[in-house]
N, C-alpha and C. Protein backbone atom coordinates (compact mmCIF):
# COMPACT_ATOMS: atom_id res chain seq x y z
N MET A 1 -10.43 -13.97 18.15
CA MET A 1 -9.47 -12.92 17.90
C MET A 1 -10.12 -11.57 18.20
N SER A 2 -9.34 -10.71 18.76
CA SER A 2 -9.81 -9.39 19.14
C SER A 2 -9.82 -8.43 17.95
N LEU A 3 -10.74 -7.49 17.97
CA LEU A 3 -10.76 -6.45 16.94
C LEU A 3 -9.58 -5.49 17.11
N ARG A 4 -9.20 -5.26 18.36
CA ARG A 4 -8.14 -4.29 18.67
C ARG A 4 -6.79 -5.00 18.81
N ASN A 5 -5.73 -4.23 18.62
CA ASN A 5 -4.38 -4.75 18.81
C ASN A 5 -4.12 -5.04 20.28
N SER A 6 -3.28 -6.04 20.51
CA SER A 6 -2.82 -6.32 21.87
C SER A 6 -1.35 -5.91 21.94
N ARG A 7 -0.72 -6.19 23.04
CA ARG A 7 0.71 -5.85 23.16
C ARG A 7 1.57 -6.74 22.26
N THR A 8 1.04 -7.91 21.85
CA THR A 8 1.86 -8.86 21.09
C THR A 8 1.37 -9.14 19.68
N ARG A 9 0.13 -8.75 19.36
CA ARG A 9 -0.36 -9.03 18.01
C ARG A 9 -1.36 -7.98 17.55
N TYR A 10 -1.46 -7.89 16.23
CA TYR A 10 -2.43 -6.98 15.63
C TYR A 10 -3.82 -7.58 15.73
N GLY A 11 -4.80 -6.73 15.93
CA GLY A 11 -6.19 -7.17 15.97
C GLY A 11 -6.71 -7.41 14.56
N SER A 12 -7.91 -7.95 14.49
CA SER A 12 -8.47 -8.33 13.19
C SER A 12 -8.71 -7.12 12.28
N ILE A 13 -9.00 -5.95 12.82
CA ILE A 13 -9.22 -4.76 11.98
C ILE A 13 -7.90 -4.36 11.29
N ALA A 14 -6.83 -4.26 12.07
CA ALA A 14 -5.52 -3.91 11.50
C ALA A 14 -5.07 -4.96 10.48
N GLN A 15 -5.30 -6.23 10.80
CA GLN A 15 -4.93 -7.30 9.86
C GLN A 15 -5.72 -7.18 8.57
N LEU A 16 -7.01 -6.92 8.68
CA LEU A 16 -7.84 -6.78 7.49
C LEU A 16 -7.34 -5.63 6.62
N PHE A 17 -7.09 -4.47 7.22
CA PHE A 17 -6.55 -3.35 6.46
C PHE A 17 -5.24 -3.74 5.78
N HIS A 18 -4.34 -4.36 6.54
CA HIS A 18 -3.03 -4.72 6.00
C HIS A 18 -3.15 -5.65 4.79
N TRP A 19 -3.88 -6.74 4.94
CA TRP A 19 -3.91 -7.75 3.89
C TRP A 19 -4.74 -7.32 2.68
N VAL A 20 -5.81 -6.55 2.89
CA VAL A 20 -6.57 -6.04 1.74
C VAL A 20 -5.72 -5.06 0.95
N ILE A 21 -4.99 -4.18 1.65
CA ILE A 21 -4.11 -3.23 0.95
C ILE A 21 -3.01 -3.97 0.21
N VAL A 22 -2.44 -5.01 0.82
CA VAL A 22 -1.40 -5.81 0.14
C VAL A 22 -1.95 -6.39 -1.16
N VAL A 23 -3.13 -7.01 -1.09
CA VAL A 23 -3.72 -7.62 -2.30
C VAL A 23 -4.01 -6.56 -3.35
N LEU A 24 -4.52 -5.40 -2.93
CA LEU A 24 -4.81 -4.34 -3.90
C LEU A 24 -3.54 -3.77 -4.53
N ILE A 25 -2.48 -3.66 -3.76
CA ILE A 25 -1.21 -3.16 -4.33
C ILE A 25 -0.65 -4.17 -5.33
N ILE A 26 -0.72 -5.44 -5.01
CA ILE A 26 -0.28 -6.47 -5.97
C ILE A 26 -1.14 -6.36 -7.23
N THR A 27 -2.44 -6.19 -7.06
CA THR A 27 -3.34 -6.00 -8.20
C THR A 27 -2.90 -4.80 -9.03
N GLN A 28 -2.50 -3.72 -8.37
CA GLN A 28 -2.06 -2.52 -9.09
C GLN A 28 -0.84 -2.81 -9.96
N PHE A 29 0.12 -3.54 -9.42
CA PHE A 29 1.31 -3.87 -10.20
C PHE A 29 0.96 -4.75 -11.40
N VAL A 30 0.03 -5.68 -11.21
CA VAL A 30 -0.40 -6.54 -12.31
C VAL A 30 -1.12 -5.71 -13.38
N LEU A 31 -2.04 -4.84 -12.96
CA LEU A 31 -2.76 -4.00 -13.92
C LEU A 31 -1.81 -3.08 -14.68
N ALA A 32 -0.85 -2.48 -13.98
CA ALA A 32 0.11 -1.59 -14.63
C ALA A 32 0.95 -2.36 -15.64
N SER A 33 1.35 -3.57 -15.28
CA SER A 33 2.13 -4.39 -16.20
C SER A 33 1.32 -4.75 -17.44
N MET A 34 0.07 -5.11 -17.23
CA MET A 34 -0.80 -5.46 -18.36
C MET A 34 -1.03 -4.24 -19.26
N GLU A 35 -1.19 -3.07 -18.65
CA GLU A 35 -1.46 -1.85 -19.41
C GLU A 35 -0.29 -1.50 -20.33
N HIS A 36 0.93 -1.70 -19.85
CA HIS A 36 2.10 -1.37 -20.66
C HIS A 36 2.18 -2.22 -21.93
N ASP A 37 1.60 -3.41 -21.89
CA ASP A 37 1.66 -4.33 -23.03
C ASP A 37 0.55 -4.12 -24.05
N LEU A 38 -0.41 -3.24 -23.73
CA LEU A 38 -1.54 -3.05 -24.63
C LEU A 38 -1.34 -1.85 -25.57
N PRO A 39 -1.81 -1.98 -26.80
CA PRO A 39 -1.79 -0.83 -27.71
C PRO A 39 -2.89 0.16 -27.31
N PRO A 40 -2.79 1.42 -27.71
CA PRO A 40 -3.86 2.37 -27.40
C PRO A 40 -5.20 1.85 -27.91
N GLY A 41 -6.24 2.04 -27.11
CA GLY A 41 -7.57 1.57 -27.51
C GLY A 41 -8.46 1.39 -26.30
N LEU A 42 -9.64 0.86 -26.56
CA LEU A 42 -10.66 0.71 -25.52
C LEU A 42 -10.20 -0.21 -24.39
N GLU A 43 -9.57 -1.33 -24.74
CA GLU A 43 -9.14 -2.28 -23.72
C GLU A 43 -8.15 -1.62 -22.75
N LYS A 44 -7.24 -0.82 -23.28
CA LYS A 44 -6.26 -0.11 -22.45
C LYS A 44 -6.96 0.92 -21.55
N LEU A 45 -7.95 1.64 -22.09
CA LEU A 45 -8.68 2.63 -21.30
C LEU A 45 -9.46 1.97 -20.16
N VAL A 46 -10.05 0.82 -20.43
CA VAL A 46 -10.79 0.09 -19.40
C VAL A 46 -9.84 -0.35 -18.29
N LEU A 47 -8.67 -0.86 -18.68
CA LEU A 47 -7.68 -1.30 -17.71
C LEU A 47 -7.17 -0.12 -16.87
N LEU A 48 -6.91 1.01 -17.52
CA LEU A 48 -6.46 2.20 -16.79
C LEU A 48 -7.54 2.70 -15.83
N ALA A 49 -8.80 2.65 -16.24
CA ALA A 49 -9.90 3.05 -15.35
C ALA A 49 -9.95 2.15 -14.12
N ARG A 50 -9.75 0.86 -14.32
CA ARG A 50 -9.74 -0.08 -13.21
C ARG A 50 -8.55 0.21 -12.29
N HIS A 51 -7.39 0.48 -12.89
CA HIS A 51 -6.18 0.81 -12.13
C HIS A 51 -6.42 2.06 -11.26
N LYS A 52 -7.06 3.06 -11.83
CA LYS A 52 -7.36 4.28 -11.08
C LYS A 52 -8.33 4.00 -9.94
N SER A 53 -9.36 3.21 -10.19
CA SER A 53 -10.34 2.89 -9.16
C SER A 53 -9.70 2.13 -8.00
N VAL A 54 -8.87 1.17 -8.32
CA VAL A 54 -8.17 0.42 -7.27
C VAL A 54 -7.23 1.35 -6.51
N GLY A 55 -6.56 2.26 -7.22
CA GLY A 55 -5.67 3.21 -6.57
C GLY A 55 -6.40 4.11 -5.58
N ILE A 56 -7.56 4.59 -5.96
CA ILE A 56 -8.35 5.41 -5.05
C ILE A 56 -8.81 4.58 -3.85
N THR A 57 -9.11 3.32 -4.07
CA THR A 57 -9.48 2.43 -2.97
C THR A 57 -8.31 2.27 -2.01
N VAL A 58 -7.11 2.07 -2.55
CA VAL A 58 -5.91 1.96 -1.70
C VAL A 58 -5.74 3.24 -0.88
N LEU A 59 -5.89 4.38 -1.52
CA LEU A 59 -5.76 5.66 -0.82
C LEU A 59 -6.75 5.76 0.33
N ALA A 60 -8.01 5.46 0.08
CA ALA A 60 -9.04 5.54 1.12
C ALA A 60 -8.75 4.56 2.26
N LEU A 61 -8.38 3.33 1.91
CA LEU A 61 -8.09 2.34 2.95
C LEU A 61 -6.85 2.72 3.75
N ALA A 62 -5.86 3.30 3.09
CA ALA A 62 -4.64 3.73 3.79
C ALA A 62 -4.96 4.83 4.80
N ILE A 63 -5.83 5.75 4.42
CA ILE A 63 -6.24 6.80 5.36
C ILE A 63 -6.97 6.20 6.55
N LEU A 64 -7.89 5.28 6.27
CA LEU A 64 -8.62 4.62 7.36
C LEU A 64 -7.67 3.80 8.25
N ARG A 65 -6.71 3.15 7.61
CA ARG A 65 -5.75 2.36 8.38
C ARG A 65 -4.91 3.24 9.29
N LEU A 66 -4.49 4.40 8.78
CA LEU A 66 -3.72 5.32 9.61
C LEU A 66 -4.55 5.85 10.78
N LEU A 67 -5.82 6.14 10.53
CA LEU A 67 -6.70 6.57 11.62
C LEU A 67 -6.84 5.46 12.67
N TRP A 68 -7.02 4.23 12.20
CA TRP A 68 -7.13 3.09 13.11
C TRP A 68 -5.84 2.93 13.91
N ARG A 69 -4.70 3.08 13.25
CA ARG A 69 -3.41 2.94 13.93
C ARG A 69 -3.22 4.03 14.98
N TRP A 70 -3.69 5.24 14.67
CA TRP A 70 -3.59 6.34 15.61
C TRP A 70 -4.43 6.05 16.86
N LEU A 71 -5.61 5.48 16.65
CA LEU A 71 -6.52 5.17 17.76
C LEU A 71 -6.17 3.87 18.48
N ASN A 72 -5.36 3.03 17.83
CA ASN A 72 -5.11 1.69 18.31
C ASN A 72 -3.63 1.35 18.08
N PRO A 73 -2.77 1.69 19.02
CA PRO A 73 -1.32 1.53 18.82
C PRO A 73 -0.90 0.11 18.42
N SER A 74 0.18 0.06 17.67
CA SER A 74 0.72 -1.22 17.20
C SER A 74 1.30 -2.03 18.35
N PRO A 75 1.37 -3.35 18.17
CA PRO A 75 2.02 -4.19 19.19
C PRO A 75 3.48 -3.77 19.39
N GLU A 76 3.99 -4.09 20.54
CA GLU A 76 5.39 -3.78 20.85
C GLU A 76 6.31 -4.66 20.01
N LEU A 77 7.45 -4.11 19.66
CA LEU A 77 8.48 -4.90 18.98
C LEU A 77 9.15 -5.80 20.01
N PRO A 78 9.68 -6.94 19.58
CA PRO A 78 10.35 -7.84 20.54
C PRO A 78 11.50 -7.11 21.25
N ARG A 79 11.63 -7.38 22.52
CA ARG A 79 12.69 -6.75 23.32
C ARG A 79 14.08 -7.17 22.84
N SER A 80 14.15 -8.30 22.17
CA SER A 80 15.43 -8.81 21.69
C SER A 80 15.95 -8.06 20.45
N MET A 81 15.11 -7.22 19.86
CA MET A 81 15.52 -6.50 18.64
C MET A 81 16.55 -5.42 18.99
N PRO A 82 17.66 -5.41 18.26
CA PRO A 82 18.64 -4.34 18.48
C PRO A 82 18.05 -2.98 18.09
N GLY A 83 18.63 -1.92 18.62
CA GLY A 83 18.15 -0.57 18.38
C GLY A 83 18.09 -0.21 16.90
N TRP A 84 19.09 -0.62 16.12
CA TRP A 84 19.11 -0.27 14.70
C TRP A 84 17.96 -0.95 13.96
N GLU A 85 17.58 -2.16 14.41
CA GLU A 85 16.46 -2.87 13.77
C GLU A 85 15.14 -2.20 14.12
N ARG A 86 15.01 -1.73 15.34
CA ARG A 86 13.81 -1.01 15.75
C ARG A 86 13.65 0.26 14.92
N LEU A 87 14.76 0.98 14.76
CA LEU A 87 14.75 2.20 13.95
C LEU A 87 14.40 1.87 12.50
N ALA A 88 15.02 0.82 11.96
CA ALA A 88 14.74 0.41 10.57
C ALA A 88 13.27 0.04 10.40
N ALA A 89 12.69 -0.64 11.39
CA ALA A 89 11.28 -1.02 11.32
C ALA A 89 10.40 0.23 11.30
N ARG A 90 10.70 1.18 12.17
CA ARG A 90 9.89 2.41 12.22
C ARG A 90 10.02 3.22 10.94
N VAL A 91 11.24 3.36 10.44
CA VAL A 91 11.46 4.13 9.21
C VAL A 91 10.79 3.45 8.02
N SER A 92 10.93 2.13 7.93
CA SER A 92 10.34 1.43 6.79
C SER A 92 8.81 1.49 6.83
N HIS A 93 8.22 1.40 8.01
CA HIS A 93 6.76 1.53 8.11
C HIS A 93 6.31 2.94 7.73
N PHE A 94 7.05 3.93 8.19
CA PHE A 94 6.72 5.32 7.82
C PHE A 94 6.78 5.48 6.31
N LEU A 95 7.85 4.95 5.69
CA LEU A 95 7.99 5.05 4.22
C LEU A 95 6.89 4.29 3.49
N LEU A 96 6.53 3.12 3.98
CA LEU A 96 5.44 2.36 3.35
C LEU A 96 4.14 3.15 3.39
N TYR A 97 3.82 3.72 4.54
CA TYR A 97 2.60 4.54 4.63
C TYR A 97 2.69 5.74 3.71
N ALA A 98 3.83 6.41 3.70
CA ALA A 98 4.00 7.59 2.84
C ALA A 98 3.79 7.21 1.37
N LEU A 99 4.33 6.07 0.97
CA LEU A 99 4.20 5.64 -0.42
C LEU A 99 2.77 5.24 -0.78
N ILE A 100 2.10 4.51 0.12
CA ILE A 100 0.73 4.08 -0.23
C ILE A 100 -0.25 5.25 -0.21
N LEU A 101 0.15 6.37 0.37
CA LEU A 101 -0.66 7.59 0.27
C LEU A 101 -0.26 8.41 -0.95
N THR A 102 1.03 8.52 -1.19
CA THR A 102 1.55 9.41 -2.24
C THR A 102 1.35 8.84 -3.65
N ILE A 103 1.52 7.55 -3.82
CA ILE A 103 1.41 6.96 -5.16
C ILE A 103 0.01 7.16 -5.75
N PRO A 104 -1.06 6.87 -5.02
CA PRO A 104 -2.38 7.15 -5.61
C PRO A 104 -2.60 8.64 -5.89
N LEU A 105 -2.08 9.49 -5.02
CA LEU A 105 -2.24 10.93 -5.24
C LEU A 105 -1.51 11.40 -6.49
N THR A 106 -0.30 10.87 -6.72
CA THR A 106 0.43 11.27 -7.94
C THR A 106 -0.26 10.71 -9.18
N GLY A 107 -0.87 9.53 -9.06
CA GLY A 107 -1.64 9.00 -10.19
C GLY A 107 -2.85 9.86 -10.49
N TRP A 108 -3.53 10.29 -9.44
CA TRP A 108 -4.69 11.16 -9.59
C TRP A 108 -4.27 12.50 -10.21
N MET A 109 -3.15 13.06 -9.74
CA MET A 109 -2.66 14.32 -10.30
C MET A 109 -2.22 14.15 -11.75
N MET A 110 -1.63 12.99 -12.05
CA MET A 110 -1.22 12.70 -13.43
C MET A 110 -2.44 12.68 -14.34
N SER A 111 -3.50 12.01 -13.93
CA SER A 111 -4.73 11.98 -14.73
C SER A 111 -5.33 13.37 -14.87
N SER A 112 -5.33 14.12 -13.79
CA SER A 112 -5.85 15.49 -13.84
C SER A 112 -5.06 16.35 -14.82
N ALA A 113 -3.74 16.22 -14.78
CA ALA A 113 -2.88 17.02 -15.67
C ALA A 113 -3.11 16.67 -17.14
N LYS A 114 -3.57 15.47 -17.40
CA LYS A 114 -3.88 15.04 -18.77
C LYS A 114 -5.34 15.32 -19.12
N ASN A 115 -6.08 15.83 -18.13
CA ASN A 115 -7.51 16.12 -18.25
C ASN A 115 -8.34 14.85 -18.46
N TYR A 116 -7.88 13.75 -17.83
CA TYR A 116 -8.64 12.50 -17.81
C TYR A 116 -9.25 12.38 -16.42
N SER A 117 -10.54 12.28 -16.34
CA SER A 117 -11.22 12.16 -15.05
C SER A 117 -10.88 10.84 -14.38
N VAL A 118 -10.90 10.89 -13.06
CA VAL A 118 -10.73 9.68 -12.26
C VAL A 118 -12.11 9.32 -11.72
N SER A 119 -12.60 8.17 -12.16
CA SER A 119 -13.89 7.67 -11.72
C SER A 119 -13.64 6.49 -10.80
N TRP A 120 -14.46 6.37 -9.77
CA TRP A 120 -14.32 5.23 -8.88
C TRP A 120 -15.33 4.16 -9.30
N PHE A 121 -14.83 3.19 -10.05
CA PHE A 121 -15.62 2.07 -10.56
C PHE A 121 -16.91 2.52 -11.24
N GLY A 122 -16.87 3.70 -11.87
CA GLY A 122 -18.02 4.21 -12.60
C GLY A 122 -19.14 4.72 -11.72
N LEU A 123 -18.96 4.71 -10.40
CA LEU A 123 -20.02 5.14 -9.48
C LEU A 123 -20.03 6.66 -9.28
N PHE A 124 -18.86 7.26 -9.25
CA PHE A 124 -18.76 8.72 -9.16
C PHE A 124 -17.40 9.15 -9.68
N THR A 125 -17.33 10.42 -10.08
CA THR A 125 -16.10 10.98 -10.64
C THR A 125 -15.51 11.95 -9.63
N LEU A 126 -14.21 11.82 -9.44
CA LEU A 126 -13.50 12.69 -8.52
C LEU A 126 -13.10 13.98 -9.23
N PRO A 127 -12.97 15.07 -8.50
CA PRO A 127 -12.55 16.32 -9.14
C PRO A 127 -11.08 16.26 -9.53
N ASN A 128 -10.72 17.01 -10.55
CA ASN A 128 -9.31 17.11 -10.93
C ASN A 128 -8.55 17.85 -9.83
N LEU A 129 -7.33 17.40 -9.55
CA LEU A 129 -6.52 18.02 -8.52
C LEU A 129 -5.65 19.15 -9.05
N VAL A 130 -5.31 19.08 -10.34
CA VAL A 130 -4.49 20.12 -10.97
C VAL A 130 -5.08 20.44 -12.33
N SER A 131 -4.70 21.60 -12.85
CA SER A 131 -5.15 21.99 -14.18
C SER A 131 -4.42 21.19 -15.24
N PRO A 132 -5.06 20.97 -16.38
CA PRO A 132 -4.40 20.26 -17.47
C PRO A 132 -3.11 20.97 -17.89
N ASN A 133 -2.04 20.18 -17.98
CA ASN A 133 -0.74 20.72 -18.36
C ASN A 133 0.17 19.54 -18.71
N GLU A 134 0.69 19.54 -19.93
CA GLU A 134 1.51 18.41 -20.39
C GLU A 134 2.79 18.26 -19.58
N ASN A 135 3.43 19.37 -19.20
CA ASN A 135 4.66 19.28 -18.39
C ASN A 135 4.36 18.70 -17.01
N SER A 136 3.24 19.11 -16.43
CA SER A 136 2.84 18.55 -15.13
C SER A 136 2.54 17.06 -15.27
N PHE A 137 1.87 16.69 -16.36
CA PHE A 137 1.59 15.27 -16.60
C PHE A 137 2.89 14.47 -16.62
N ASP A 138 3.88 14.95 -17.37
CA ASP A 138 5.16 14.24 -17.46
C ASP A 138 5.82 14.11 -16.09
N LEU A 139 5.79 15.18 -15.30
CA LEU A 139 6.39 15.15 -13.97
C LEU A 139 5.67 14.16 -13.06
N PHE A 140 4.34 14.22 -13.04
CA PHE A 140 3.58 13.30 -12.19
C PHE A 140 3.70 11.86 -12.66
N HIS A 141 3.78 11.65 -13.97
CA HIS A 141 3.94 10.29 -14.51
C HIS A 141 5.27 9.70 -14.05
N GLU A 142 6.35 10.47 -14.22
CA GLU A 142 7.67 9.98 -13.79
C GLU A 142 7.71 9.74 -12.28
N THR A 143 7.12 10.65 -11.53
CA THR A 143 7.10 10.52 -10.07
C THR A 143 6.30 9.28 -9.66
N HIS A 144 5.15 9.10 -10.27
CA HIS A 144 4.29 7.96 -9.98
C HIS A 144 5.03 6.64 -10.22
N GLU A 145 5.68 6.53 -11.35
CA GLU A 145 6.40 5.29 -11.67
C GLU A 145 7.62 5.09 -10.77
N PHE A 146 8.34 6.18 -10.46
CA PHE A 146 9.49 6.07 -9.58
C PHE A 146 9.06 5.60 -8.19
N LEU A 147 8.02 6.23 -7.65
CA LEU A 147 7.55 5.87 -6.32
C LEU A 147 7.02 4.43 -6.29
N ALA A 148 6.37 3.99 -7.36
CA ALA A 148 5.90 2.61 -7.43
C ALA A 148 7.07 1.63 -7.41
N THR A 149 8.15 1.99 -8.08
CA THR A 149 9.36 1.14 -8.07
C THR A 149 9.95 1.09 -6.66
N VAL A 150 10.01 2.24 -5.99
CA VAL A 150 10.51 2.28 -4.61
C VAL A 150 9.63 1.41 -3.72
N LEU A 151 8.31 1.51 -3.88
CA LEU A 151 7.39 0.70 -3.10
C LEU A 151 7.64 -0.79 -3.33
N PHE A 152 7.84 -1.17 -4.57
CA PHE A 152 8.08 -2.58 -4.89
C PHE A 152 9.29 -3.11 -4.11
N TYR A 153 10.40 -2.37 -4.15
CA TYR A 153 11.61 -2.84 -3.47
C TYR A 153 11.50 -2.75 -1.95
N LEU A 154 10.84 -1.71 -1.45
CA LEU A 154 10.65 -1.59 -0.01
C LEU A 154 9.73 -2.71 0.50
N ALA A 155 8.72 -3.08 -0.28
CA ALA A 155 7.84 -4.18 0.10
C ALA A 155 8.61 -5.50 0.15
N LEU A 156 9.55 -5.68 -0.77
CA LEU A 156 10.38 -6.89 -0.74
C LEU A 156 11.24 -6.93 0.53
N VAL A 157 11.80 -5.78 0.90
CA VAL A 157 12.59 -5.69 2.14
C VAL A 157 11.69 -5.99 3.34
N HIS A 158 10.50 -5.43 3.34
CA HIS A 158 9.53 -5.65 4.42
C HIS A 158 9.19 -7.14 4.54
N LEU A 159 8.95 -7.78 3.42
CA LEU A 159 8.66 -9.22 3.40
C LEU A 159 9.86 -10.01 3.91
N ALA A 160 11.05 -9.68 3.44
CA ALA A 160 12.27 -10.38 3.87
C ALA A 160 12.47 -10.23 5.38
N ALA A 161 12.21 -9.03 5.90
CA ALA A 161 12.36 -8.81 7.35
C ALA A 161 11.35 -9.66 8.12
N ALA A 162 10.11 -9.72 7.64
CA ALA A 162 9.09 -10.53 8.31
C ALA A 162 9.49 -12.01 8.31
N LEU A 163 9.99 -12.48 7.18
CA LEU A 163 10.42 -13.88 7.09
C LEU A 163 11.64 -14.14 7.97
N LYS A 164 12.56 -13.18 8.04
CA LYS A 164 13.73 -13.30 8.93
C LYS A 164 13.27 -13.45 10.38
N HIS A 165 12.32 -12.61 10.78
CA HIS A 165 11.82 -12.69 12.15
C HIS A 165 11.17 -14.04 12.42
N HIS A 166 10.47 -14.55 11.43
CA HIS A 166 9.76 -15.81 11.65
C HIS A 166 10.69 -17.03 11.64
N PHE A 167 11.55 -17.12 10.63
CA PHE A 167 12.35 -18.32 10.47
C PHE A 167 13.71 -18.27 11.15
N TYR A 168 14.30 -17.09 11.27
CA TYR A 168 15.63 -16.98 11.88
C TYR A 168 15.52 -16.59 13.36
N ASN A 169 14.83 -15.50 13.63
CA ASN A 169 14.69 -15.05 15.02
C ASN A 169 13.68 -15.90 15.80
N ARG A 170 12.74 -16.49 15.07
CA ARG A 170 11.68 -17.32 15.66
C ARG A 170 10.87 -16.54 16.72
N ASP A 171 10.59 -15.29 16.38
CA ASP A 171 9.75 -14.49 17.27
C ASP A 171 8.35 -14.37 16.65
N ASN A 172 7.51 -13.54 17.25
CA ASN A 172 6.12 -13.46 16.83
C ASN A 172 5.80 -12.28 15.93
N VAL A 173 6.80 -11.65 15.32
CA VAL A 173 6.55 -10.46 14.51
C VAL A 173 5.62 -10.79 13.34
N LEU A 174 5.94 -11.78 12.55
CA LEU A 174 5.09 -12.16 11.41
C LEU A 174 3.77 -12.76 11.91
N ARG A 175 3.85 -13.63 12.86
CA ARG A 175 2.65 -14.29 13.38
C ARG A 175 1.65 -13.27 13.93
N GLY A 176 2.16 -12.14 14.43
CA GLY A 176 1.28 -11.11 14.97
C GLY A 176 0.42 -10.42 13.93
N MET A 177 0.78 -10.56 12.65
CA MET A 177 -0.03 -9.95 11.57
C MET A 177 -0.84 -11.00 10.82
N LEU A 178 -0.71 -12.25 11.20
CA LEU A 178 -1.45 -13.32 10.55
C LEU A 178 -2.69 -13.67 11.36
N PRO A 179 -3.78 -14.04 10.68
CA PRO A 179 -4.98 -14.43 11.42
C PRO A 179 -4.83 -15.77 12.14
N VAL A 180 -3.68 -16.41 12.00
CA VAL A 180 -3.42 -17.70 12.65
C VAL A 180 -2.87 -17.40 14.05
N LYS A 181 -3.56 -17.89 15.08
CA LYS A 181 -3.13 -17.64 16.45
C LYS A 181 -2.31 -18.78 17.01
N ASP A 182 -2.62 -20.00 16.63
CA ASP A 182 -1.95 -21.19 17.14
C ASP A 182 -0.54 -21.27 16.55
N LYS A 183 0.48 -21.27 17.41
CA LYS A 183 1.88 -21.28 16.96
C LYS A 183 2.21 -22.54 16.17
N SER A 184 1.57 -23.64 16.48
CA SER A 184 1.89 -24.90 15.80
C SER A 184 1.40 -24.93 14.36
N ARG A 185 0.46 -24.03 14.01
CA ARG A 185 -0.10 -24.03 12.66
C ARG A 185 0.81 -23.32 11.66
N PHE A 186 1.72 -22.46 12.14
CA PHE A 186 2.62 -21.76 11.23
C PHE A 186 3.86 -21.37 11.96
């Protein structure tokens, strides 16, 4: 498999970015769900610290992925796709990128507004992005949760579209993002 994208499939670098970010985002939803069920205390603080560290990792990987995408264009969409589907694919990808950049930033701003430092796995502490302010905290908290909800539903649509392409259209859209090259294997 090639490191770079081809006209028909993503290269191993783009695939690695995609699937690592997917796993980390799923991890984020699990950590957030677990955090909501915990009473205030040390266990909740440890979970929130882990959530913040994973969020910063997602942010960094998303930036690297965008740089890679800029230097290495995506495969072409199937010629059989109607114009509205091509537009929907482009818009949904733009929104996915915007969300995976914005959600960690709003989380970081939310922590800053509460005057809670964001540490990356205890290795270093990031600077606060905004001054402590309870009203700002409330705004960033609501925004963070709203955007996470939008991401959840947009990711479901993205998954449904990929499965539609694979099982209904029987094209290579999904296969192009999988490390499996042999068509008979999937």
